[in-house]
Amino acid sequence: MKTRLAGLLFIFVLLPLLMIGQNSVTIVSWNSDDMFCDRDVRNREELRTLSTDLNPDILLLQEVKSPQVVNAIKTAMGFELFSHSATNFNNKGQNSLSSCKKDRTSFDIGIISRYPISEHYEFTFRADNPSGIPEKIITTDSLILNPGEFSNPNKGYLWARIAEIETIFFAVHLTHSFGDKNCDDRKRSAYQREVIASSVIREIERNKISFPTYRIVVAGDFNIGVNDEKMNGSVIEIDDCLDCEKTDCVDETHAILQGKIFKTVKMTNLAEGLNQATQRDPKYWYMGPLDNIYVLKETRNSFTAAQRGKDRYGSDHWPVYSNMTY
């Protein structure tokens, strides 16, 4: 009886007191699927529904083509006064709002924020857009053993710092997993994801020194599910796609973020317990969520477990979201 009373006291008295002065931020990550021009945006009537269903304070987008398209999405959602930023990895989407060409190498990343974006960078493999968002060059980490495997890099990531809520966001869209192809393809796609993941971790190490009070979020389409037993490994030196039960599987992307490779940064995947697919195609469902939200392990209690949106809103991916208190 005393235990029950103590529990009720915590729920109805102490917990509300603890929440006084705290604000909540809804973080949504969504692969919007081929948003390349103004027509693509205008045809996606579900954008307004997404904005009312999830009411995002921070929306991380994948598969957009340019900052102009992100701005059009923002307007279509009724968020005209929000801030936004977007990458332009291959300089193909610069000022693009009219060309609807389905160029699969032009997949870029965007962020729409209720709060002013204090600072932002495009992390890229080659400087090509000096007049747009500031760029930083990604270099392969010494951890990566086979740089020859990294062919035609055309993706990086978006970094944004929001001072008002003391949070840094890493928005990612990692290389597609060729899990149903041959072993070399599987290794190559895994390797390219690992390069990005290792770069993100090294940047987080620097951010923790420069911004010690900030929360850090890494979110996006990882194209590798955390539950994928055919691909996920934990030893960077071993890549076995044929018998990884006896050795080690080919993809250490999640292991890198979880602190199993680099020991200086440990992150928690808010979507790990989701137990739902976030991509429409049933052949990917055994992998669990391809869309994930990672946070620093020491700040995990500031976030709710990730949930999947009730609709795909015209995309082939469901959005995933979490609430952060600060």
Protein backbone atom coordinates (compact mmCIF):
# COMPACT_ATOMS: atom_id res chain seq x y z
CA MET A 1 0.00 0.00 0.00
CA LYS A 2 2.82 2.41 0.91
CA THR A 3 4.57 1.63 -2.38
CA ARG A 4 1.41 2.39 -4.33
CA LEU A 5 0.90 5.66 -2.48
CA ALA A 6 4.49 6.64 -3.17
CA GLY A 7 3.98 5.92 -6.87
CA LEU A 8 0.82 8.01 -7.00
CA LEU A 9 2.59 10.83 -5.15
CA PHE A 10 5.35 10.82 -7.79
CA ILE A 11 2.93 10.76 -10.75
CA PHE A 12 0.51 13.42 -9.55
CA VAL A 13 2.69 15.67 -7.38
CA LEU A 14 6.42 15.31 -7.95
CA LEU A 15 6.44 14.68 -11.70
CA PRO A 16 4.45 17.85 -12.55
CA LEU A 17 6.80 19.82 -10.32
CA LEU A 18 9.79 18.38 -12.15
CA MET A 19 8.25 19.39 -15.49
CA ILE A 20 7.71 23.02 -14.44
CA GLY A 21 9.91 25.29 -16.53
CA GLN A 22 10.57 22.61 -19.14
CA ASN A 23 9.68 23.10 -22.78
CA SER A 24 9.02 20.35 -25.30
CA VAL A 25 10.36 20.22 -28.85
CA THR A 26 8.96 17.77 -31.42
CA ILE A 27 11.70 16.43 -33.69
CA VAL A 28 10.57 14.70 -36.90
CA SER A 29 12.77 12.92 -39.44
CA TRP A 30 11.21 12.08 -42.79
CA ASN A 31 12.40 10.82 -46.15
CA SER A 32 9.91 12.76 -48.27
CA ASP A 33 10.68 10.83 -51.51
CA ASP A 34 11.63 12.75 -54.67
CA MET A 35 10.83 16.36 -53.83
CA PHE A 36 12.73 17.87 -56.74
CA CYS A 37 10.73 20.90 -57.85
CA ASP A 38 7.80 23.20 -57.13
CA ARG A 39 5.38 20.84 -58.90
CA ASP A 40 6.43 17.95 -56.66
CA VAL A 41 5.69 20.10 -53.62
CA ARG A 42 2.35 21.40 -54.90
CA ASN A 43 1.20 17.88 -55.76
CA ARG A 44 1.89 16.67 -52.21
CA GLU A 45 -1.34 17.75 -50.56
CA GLU A 46 -0.48 15.59 -47.56
CA LEU A 47 2.16 18.09 -46.42
CA ARG A 48 -0.43 20.20 -44.64
CA THR A 49 -1.82 17.07 -42.96
CA LEU A 50 1.65 16.10 -41.76
CA SER A 51 2.10 19.54 -40.24
CA THR A 52 -1.16 19.30 -38.30
CA ASP A 53 -0.74 15.62 -37.32
CA LEU A 54 2.81 15.92 -36.00
CA ASN A 55 3.23 19.68 -35.52
CA PRO A 56 7.03 19.47 -35.86
CA ASP A 57 9.27 22.07 -34.27
CA ILE A 58 12.25 20.57 -36.12
CA LEU A 59 11.71 18.71 -39.40
CA LEU A 60 14.68 16.88 -40.93
CA LEU A 61 14.05 16.07 -44.61
CA GLN A 62 15.74 13.67 -47.01
CA GLU A 63 15.40 13.43 -50.84
CA VAL A 64 14.93 17.11 -51.51
CA LYS A 65 16.84 18.84 -54.32
CA SER A 66 17.67 22.37 -53.21
CA PRO A 67 17.20 25.05 -50.54
CA GLN A 68 14.49 26.51 -52.76
CA VAL A 69 12.51 23.26 -52.68
CA VAL A 70 12.85 23.13 -48.88
CA ASN A 71 11.51 26.68 -48.70
CA ALA A 72 8.55 25.63 -50.89
CA ILE A 73 7.88 22.67 -48.57
CA LYS A 74 7.98 25.00 -45.59
CA THR A 75 5.39 27.28 -47.23
CA ALA A 76 3.15 24.35 -48.21
CA MET A 77 3.14 23.20 -44.58
CA GLY A 78 2.14 26.62 -43.30
CA PHE A 79 5.52 27.27 -41.71
CA GLU A 80 6.46 30.42 -43.62
CA LEU A 81 8.09 32.02 -40.57
CA PHE A 82 10.29 29.01 -39.79
CA SER A 83 14.03 28.94 -40.57
CA HIS A 84 15.41 26.45 -43.06
CA SER A 85 18.65 25.14 -44.51
CA ALA A 86 19.59 22.51 -47.10
CA THR A 87 22.61 20.88 -48.66
CA ASN A 88 23.53 21.06 -52.35
CA PHE A 89 26.07 18.28 -52.63
CA ASN A 90 26.50 18.17 -56.41
CA ASN A 91 25.58 21.76 -57.22
CA LYS A 92 22.82 20.42 -59.48
CA GLY A 93 19.98 21.87 -57.49
CA GLN A 94 21.27 25.42 -57.15
CA ASN A 95 18.31 27.80 -57.48
CA SER A 96 16.28 24.85 -58.75
CA LEU A 97 12.55 25.10 -58.31
CA SER A 98 11.39 24.34 -61.86
CA SER A 99 13.34 21.29 -63.06
CA CYS A 100 11.55 18.08 -62.08
CA LYS A 101 14.16 15.73 -63.52
CA LYS A 102 14.43 12.62 -61.36
CA ASP A 103 18.17 12.79 -60.82
CA ARG A 104 19.02 10.18 -58.20
CA THR A 105 22.42 11.79 -57.55
CA SER A 106 20.74 15.02 -56.45
CA PHE A 107 19.31 13.69 -53.20
CA ASP A 108 19.91 16.41 -50.68
CA ILE A 109 19.03 17.01 -47.05
CA GLY A 110 17.06 19.82 -45.45
CA ILE A 111 16.03 21.12 -42.07
CA ILE A 112 13.02 23.28 -41.21
CA SER A 113 13.09 24.82 -37.74
CA ARG A 114 10.65 26.79 -35.60
CA TYR A 115 13.74 28.29 -33.95
CA PRO A 116 16.40 30.41 -35.69
CA ILE A 117 19.28 28.36 -37.09
CA SER A 118 22.35 29.93 -35.50
CA GLU A 119 24.96 28.18 -37.65
CA HIS A 120 24.94 25.56 -40.37
CA TYR A 121 27.38 23.65 -42.59
CA GLU A 122 27.22 21.22 -45.46
CA PHE A 123 29.73 18.45 -44.84
CA THR A 124 30.77 17.31 -48.31
CA PHE A 125 33.56 15.48 -50.13
CA ARG A 126 34.26 18.28 -52.59
CA ALA A 127 33.78 22.05 -52.39
CA ASP A 128 31.44 23.08 -55.20
CA ASN A 129 29.05 25.69 -53.87
CA PRO A 130 30.99 28.59 -52.33
CA SER A 131 28.08 31.01 -52.75
CA GLY A 132 25.60 28.81 -50.87
CA ILE A 133 25.62 27.16 -47.45
CA PRO A 134 29.12 27.12 -45.87
CA GLU A 135 30.97 23.89 -46.60
CA LYS A 136 33.34 21.66 -44.69
CA ILE A 137 35.27 18.85 -46.36
CA ILE A 138 34.86 15.27 -45.13
CA THR A 139 38.06 13.28 -44.87
CA THR A 140 38.13 9.52 -44.41
CA ASP A 141 39.02 8.53 -40.89
CA SER A 142 42.08 6.42 -40.07
CA LEU A 143 39.61 3.80 -38.82
CA ILE A 144 38.54 3.13 -42.41
CA LEU A 145 40.90 0.52 -43.76
CA ASN A 146 40.03 0.31 -47.46
CA PRO A 147 39.73 3.80 -48.99
CA GLY A 148 39.66 2.26 -52.46
CA GLU A 149 36.17 0.95 -51.67
CA PHE A 150 34.86 4.49 -51.40
CA SER A 151 33.78 5.15 -54.98
CA ASN A 152 32.11 8.28 -56.35
CA PRO A 153 31.12 9.86 -53.03
CA ASN A 154 28.13 12.12 -53.62
CA LYS A 155 26.54 12.33 -50.20
CA GLY A 156 27.55 14.07 -47.04
CA TYR A 157 25.46 15.45 -44.20
CA LEU A 158 23.91 18.64 -42.88
CA TRP A 159 25.02 20.16 -39.56
CA ALA A 160 22.87 22.78 -37.84
CA ARG A 161 23.24 24.46 -34.46
CA ILE A 162 20.20 26.01 -32.79
CA ALA A 163 21.25 28.15 -29.84
CA GLU A 164 17.76 28.85 -28.50
CA ILE A 165 17.27 25.19 -27.56
CA GLU A 166 21.00 24.40 -27.21
CA THR A 167 20.86 21.52 -29.67
CA ILE A 168 23.02 20.46 -32.61
CA PHE A 169 21.46 18.41 -35.40
CA PHE A 170 23.25 16.09 -37.81
CA ALA A 171 20.84 15.29 -40.66
CA VAL A 172 21.91 12.28 -42.73
CA HIS A 173 20.79 10.24 -45.73
CA LEU A 174 23.16 7.30 -45.99
CA THR A 175 23.88 5.18 -49.05
CA HIS A 176 21.26 2.63 -50.06
CA SER A 177 21.89 -0.89 -48.79
CA PHE A 178 22.30 -3.40 -51.61
CA GLY A 179 21.48 -6.29 -49.34
CA ASP A 180 19.96 -8.42 -52.09
CA LYS A 181 22.99 -8.12 -54.39
CA ASN A 182 26.41 -9.73 -54.30
CA CYS A 183 28.89 -9.57 -51.45
CA ASP A 184 31.10 -6.87 -53.01
CA ASP A 185 28.12 -4.55 -53.43
CA ARG A 186 27.05 -5.12 -49.84
CA LYS A 187 30.54 -4.33 -48.56
CA ARG A 188 30.84 -1.23 -50.70
CA SER A 189 27.52 0.24 -49.59
CA ALA A 190 28.31 -0.56 -45.96
CA TYR A 191 31.72 1.05 -46.27
CA GLN A 192 30.27 4.28 -47.61
CA ARG A 193 27.83 4.48 -44.70
CA GLU A 194 30.68 3.84 -42.26
CA VAL A 195 32.71 6.73 -43.66
CA ILE A 196 29.85 9.16 -43.01
CA ALA A 197 29.15 7.70 -39.56
CA SER A 198 32.81 8.00 -38.55
CA SER A 199 32.95 11.60 -39.78
CA VAL A 200 29.83 12.40 -37.75
CA ILE A 201 31.37 10.90 -34.61
CA ARG A 202 34.62 12.83 -35.04
CA GLU A 203 32.64 16.05 -35.45
CA ILE A 204 30.59 15.23 -32.34
CA GLU A 205 33.86 14.86 -30.41
CA ARG A 206 34.73 18.43 -31.40
CA ASN A 207 31.20 19.71 -30.70
CA LYS A 208 31.25 18.31 -27.16
CA ILE A 209 34.29 20.47 -26.46
CA SER A 210 33.01 23.60 -28.21
CA PHE A 211 29.39 23.31 -27.00
CA PRO A 212 29.52 21.30 -23.75
CA THR A 213 25.93 22.10 -22.67
CA TYR A 214 24.30 21.17 -25.99
CA ARG A 215 22.25 18.11 -26.78
CA ILE A 216 23.26 16.40 -30.02
CA VAL A 217 20.88 14.59 -32.39
CA VAL A 218 21.80 12.46 -35.42
CA ALA A 219 18.73 11.61 -37.50
CA GLY A 220 17.67 10.60 -40.98
CA ASP A 221 17.37 7.74 -43.42
CA PHE A 222 20.19 5.34 -42.50
CA ASN A 223 19.28 2.76 -45.16
CA ILE A 224 20.40 0.10 -42.70
CA GLY A 225 18.01 -1.11 -40.02
CA VAL A 226 19.31 -1.49 -36.50
CA ASN A 227 17.65 -4.95 -36.36
CA ASP A 228 19.23 -6.24 -39.58
CA GLU A 229 21.06 -9.40 -38.47
CA LYS A 230 22.31 -10.04 -42.03
CA MET A 231 24.25 -6.77 -42.21
CA ASN A 232 25.06 -5.32 -38.78
CA GLY A 233 28.43 -6.10 -37.28
CA SER A 234 30.57 -4.71 -34.48
CA VAL A 235 34.18 -5.33 -35.54
CA ILE A 236 35.48 -2.88 -38.13
CA GLU A 237 38.33 -5.14 -39.29
CA ILE A 238 36.04 -8.03 -40.33
CA ASP A 239 33.47 -7.92 -43.14
CA ASP A 240 31.80 -11.28 -43.74
CA CYS A 241 28.59 -11.31 -45.75
CA LEU A 242 28.37 -15.07 -46.09
CA ASP A 243 28.70 -16.45 -42.58
CA CYS A 244 28.68 -13.53 -40.18
CA GLU A 245 27.25 -15.67 -37.37
CA LYS A 246 30.71 -17.21 -37.06
CA THR A 247 32.73 -14.10 -37.82
CA ASP A 248 31.31 -10.56 -38.10
CA CYS A 249 28.81 -8.91 -40.44
CA VAL A 250 29.67 -6.25 -43.00
CA ASP A 251 28.11 -3.06 -41.67
CA GLU A 252 29.39 -1.21 -38.61
CA THR A 253 27.34 1.98 -39.13
CA HIS A 254 25.16 1.48 -36.06
CA ALA A 255 28.09 0.11 -34.06
CA ILE A 256 30.06 3.30 -34.79
CA LEU A 257 27.26 5.52 -33.51
CA GLN A 258 26.64 3.31 -30.48
CA GLY A 259 30.25 3.68 -29.32
CA LYS A 260 31.37 0.12 -30.07
CA ILE A 261 34.14 1.30 -32.43
CA PHE A 262 34.97 4.80 -31.22
CA LYS A 263 34.96 4.77 -27.44
CA THR A 264 34.75 8.53 -26.92
CA VAL A 265 31.13 9.02 -28.02
CA LYS A 266 28.24 6.73 -27.13
CA MET A 267 24.80 7.32 -28.58
CA THR A 268 21.39 5.75 -28.07
CA ASN A 269 18.99 5.02 -30.93
CA LEU A 270 15.54 6.26 -29.92
CA ALA A 271 14.00 4.06 -32.65
CA GLU A 272 15.68 0.82 -31.58
CA GLY A 273 12.58 -0.45 -29.78
CA LEU A 274 10.15 0.74 -32.44
CA ASN A 275 9.71 -2.75 -33.94
CA GLN A 276 8.06 -1.28 -37.02
CA ALA A 277 9.25 -0.81 -40.57
CA THR A 278 9.62 2.77 -41.71
CA GLN A 279 9.87 1.94 -45.42
CA ARG A 280 6.92 0.76 -47.53
CA ASP A 281 8.67 -2.12 -49.37
CA PRO A 282 8.08 -5.40 -47.45
CA LYS A 283 11.51 -6.72 -48.46
CA TYR A 284 13.08 -4.26 -45.99
CA TRP A 285 10.77 -4.97 -43.06
CA TYR A 286 13.01 -7.55 -41.39
CA MET A 287 15.58 -4.77 -40.89
CA GLY A 288 13.33 -2.77 -38.57
CA PRO A 289 13.30 1.02 -38.93
CA LEU A 290 15.59 2.40 -41.64
CA ASP A 291 14.84 5.90 -40.30
CA ASN A 292 16.49 6.47 -36.95
CA ILE A 293 17.13 9.14 -34.34
CA TYR A 294 20.32 8.92 -32.27
CA VAL A 295 21.08 11.06 -29.21
CA LEU A 296 24.02 11.20 -26.83
CA LYS A 297 23.63 8.45 -24.25
CA GLU A 298 24.07 10.89 -21.37
CA THR A 299 21.09 12.97 -22.58
CA ARG A 300 18.74 10.06 -23.30
CA ASN A 301 16.34 11.04 -20.50
CA SER A 302 15.57 14.32 -22.29
CA PHE A 303 13.91 12.43 -25.16
CA THR A 304 10.91 10.17 -25.59
CA ALA A 305 11.25 6.89 -27.48
CA ALA A 306 10.81 7.40 -31.22
CA GLN A 307 7.40 6.73 -32.72
CA ARG A 308 6.28 6.22 -36.30
CA GLY A 309 3.79 8.59 -37.87
CA LYS A 310 0.37 7.15 -38.65
CA ASP A 311 0.69 7.94 -42.38
CA ARG A 312 3.41 8.15 -45.06
CA TYR A 313 2.01 11.45 -46.38
CA GLY A 314 2.63 10.55 -50.02
CA SER A 315 6.15 9.19 -49.46
CA ASP A 316 7.49 5.64 -49.42
CA HIS A 317 8.73 6.26 -45.85
CA TRP A 318 6.86 6.89 -42.64
CA PRO A 319 8.18 9.79 -40.56
CA VAL A 320 9.67 9.04 -37.15
CA TYR A 321 9.50 11.50 -34.30
CA SER A 322 10.53 12.13 -30.70
CA ASN A 323 9.84 14.84 -28.12
CA MET A 324 12.77 16.55 -26.41
CA THR A 325 12.49 18.53 -23.18
CA TYR A 326 14.91 21.33 -22.34
